[in-house]
């Protein structure tokens, strides 16, 4: 089923599911112990610091911004991967 999708769509699906997975793993972890998702939180939230400096407080839209940002990044990465793959074939 996923073989017929364009590469940018695959990248969007992968990036969105990965960011949701990291959110979910962090919610499941207890506060007093370390978590597997902790090293991924800094790169995941790094665009949020830049966006808050540019636009001010995002409030309730912070998770949506993170999800949309990483979906766009995943879509671009998938698009460029598809271009590289078609050039090699």
Protein backbone atom coordinates (compact mmCIF):
# COMPACT_ATOMS: atom_id res chain seq x y z
CA UNK A 1 0.00 0.00 0.00
CA UNK A 2 2.79 2.46 0.83
CA UNK A 3 4.70 1.56 -2.34
CA UNK A 4 2.34 3.64 -4.47
CA UNK A 5 2.69 6.81 -2.36
CA UNK A 6 5.10 9.57 -3.40
CA UNK A 7 8.25 9.94 -1.35
CA UNK A 8 7.25 13.28 0.18
CA UNK A 9 4.04 11.70 1.50
CA UNK A 10 6.03 8.86 3.01
CA UNK A 11 8.31 11.43 4.65
CA UNK A 12 5.35 13.33 6.09
CA UNK A 13 3.83 10.14 7.50
CA UNK A 14 7.16 9.05 8.99
CA UNK A 15 8.01 12.41 10.58
CA UNK A 16 4.53 12.93 12.01
CA UNK A 17 4.37 9.42 13.45
CA UNK A 18 7.87 9.72 14.92
CA UNK A 19 7.09 13.02 16.67
CA UNK A 20 3.81 11.63 18.05
CA UNK A 21 5.67 8.52 19.23
CA UNK A 22 8.22 10.62 21.12
CA UNK A 23 5.40 12.63 22.75
CA UNK A 24 3.63 9.41 23.72
CA UNK A 25 6.77 7.80 25.15
CA UNK A 26 7.50 10.90 27.23
CA UNK A 27 3.97 10.93 28.65
CA UNK A 28 4.32 7.28 29.70
CA UNK A 29 7.63 7.78 31.53
CA UNK A 30 7.66 8.52 35.25
CA UNK A 31 9.14 11.88 36.23
CA UNK A 32 11.73 10.61 38.68
CA UNK A 33 13.36 8.17 36.24
CA UNK A 34 15.13 8.69 32.98
CA UNK A 35 13.27 7.91 29.81
CA UNK A 36 14.17 6.57 26.39
CA UNK A 37 12.55 9.61 24.78
CA UNK A 38 14.59 12.20 26.72
CA UNK A 39 17.48 12.53 24.21
CA UNK A 40 14.96 13.13 21.42
CA UNK A 41 13.15 15.98 23.16
CA UNK A 42 15.79 18.67 22.57
CA UNK A 43 15.90 18.22 18.77
CA UNK A 44 12.13 17.77 18.71
CA UNK A 45 11.42 21.05 20.52
CA UNK A 46 14.30 23.13 19.12
CA UNK A 47 12.18 24.77 16.39
CA UNK A 48 9.74 25.87 19.09
CA UNK A 49 12.33 28.15 20.70
CA UNK A 50 12.92 29.95 17.41
CA UNK A 51 9.19 30.24 16.70
CA UNK A 52 8.50 31.70 20.15
CA UNK A 53 11.23 34.29 19.63
CA UNK A 54 9.76 35.26 16.27
CA UNK A 55 6.01 35.06 16.95
CA UNK A 56 5.72 35.28 20.73
CA UNK A 57 3.89 32.77 22.89
CA UNK A 58 2.14 30.12 20.80
CA UNK A 59 0.03 28.88 23.71
CA UNK A 60 -2.12 25.88 22.94
CA UNK A 61 -0.78 25.67 19.36
CA UNK A 62 2.70 24.49 20.41
CA UNK A 63 2.07 20.75 19.77
CA UNK A 64 0.43 21.56 16.43
CA UNK A 65 3.38 23.73 15.43
CA UNK A 66 5.83 20.95 16.32
CA UNK A 67 3.82 18.38 14.37
CA UNK A 68 3.44 20.62 11.31
CA UNK A 69 7.10 21.69 11.38
CA UNK A 70 8.44 18.15 11.51
CA UNK A 71 5.91 17.02 8.89
CA UNK A 72 7.21 19.69 6.52
CA UNK A 73 10.81 18.70 7.26
CA UNK A 74 9.94 15.03 6.69
CA UNK A 75 8.15 15.87 3.46
CA UNK A 76 11.15 17.80 2.16
CA UNK A 77 13.54 15.03 3.18
CA UNK A 78 11.33 12.45 1.47
CA UNK A 79 11.11 14.58 -1.67
CA UNK A 80 14.89 14.97 -1.91
CA UNK A 81 15.40 11.28 -1.15
CA UNK A 82 13.01 10.45 -3.99
CA UNK A 83 14.95 12.72 -6.34
CA UNK A 84 18.23 11.05 -5.37
CA UNK A 85 16.75 7.61 -5.76
CA UNK A 86 15.37 8.32 -9.24
CA UNK A 87 18.71 9.77 -10.34
CA UNK A 88 20.55 6.61 -9.24
CA UNK A 89 18.08 4.26 -10.96
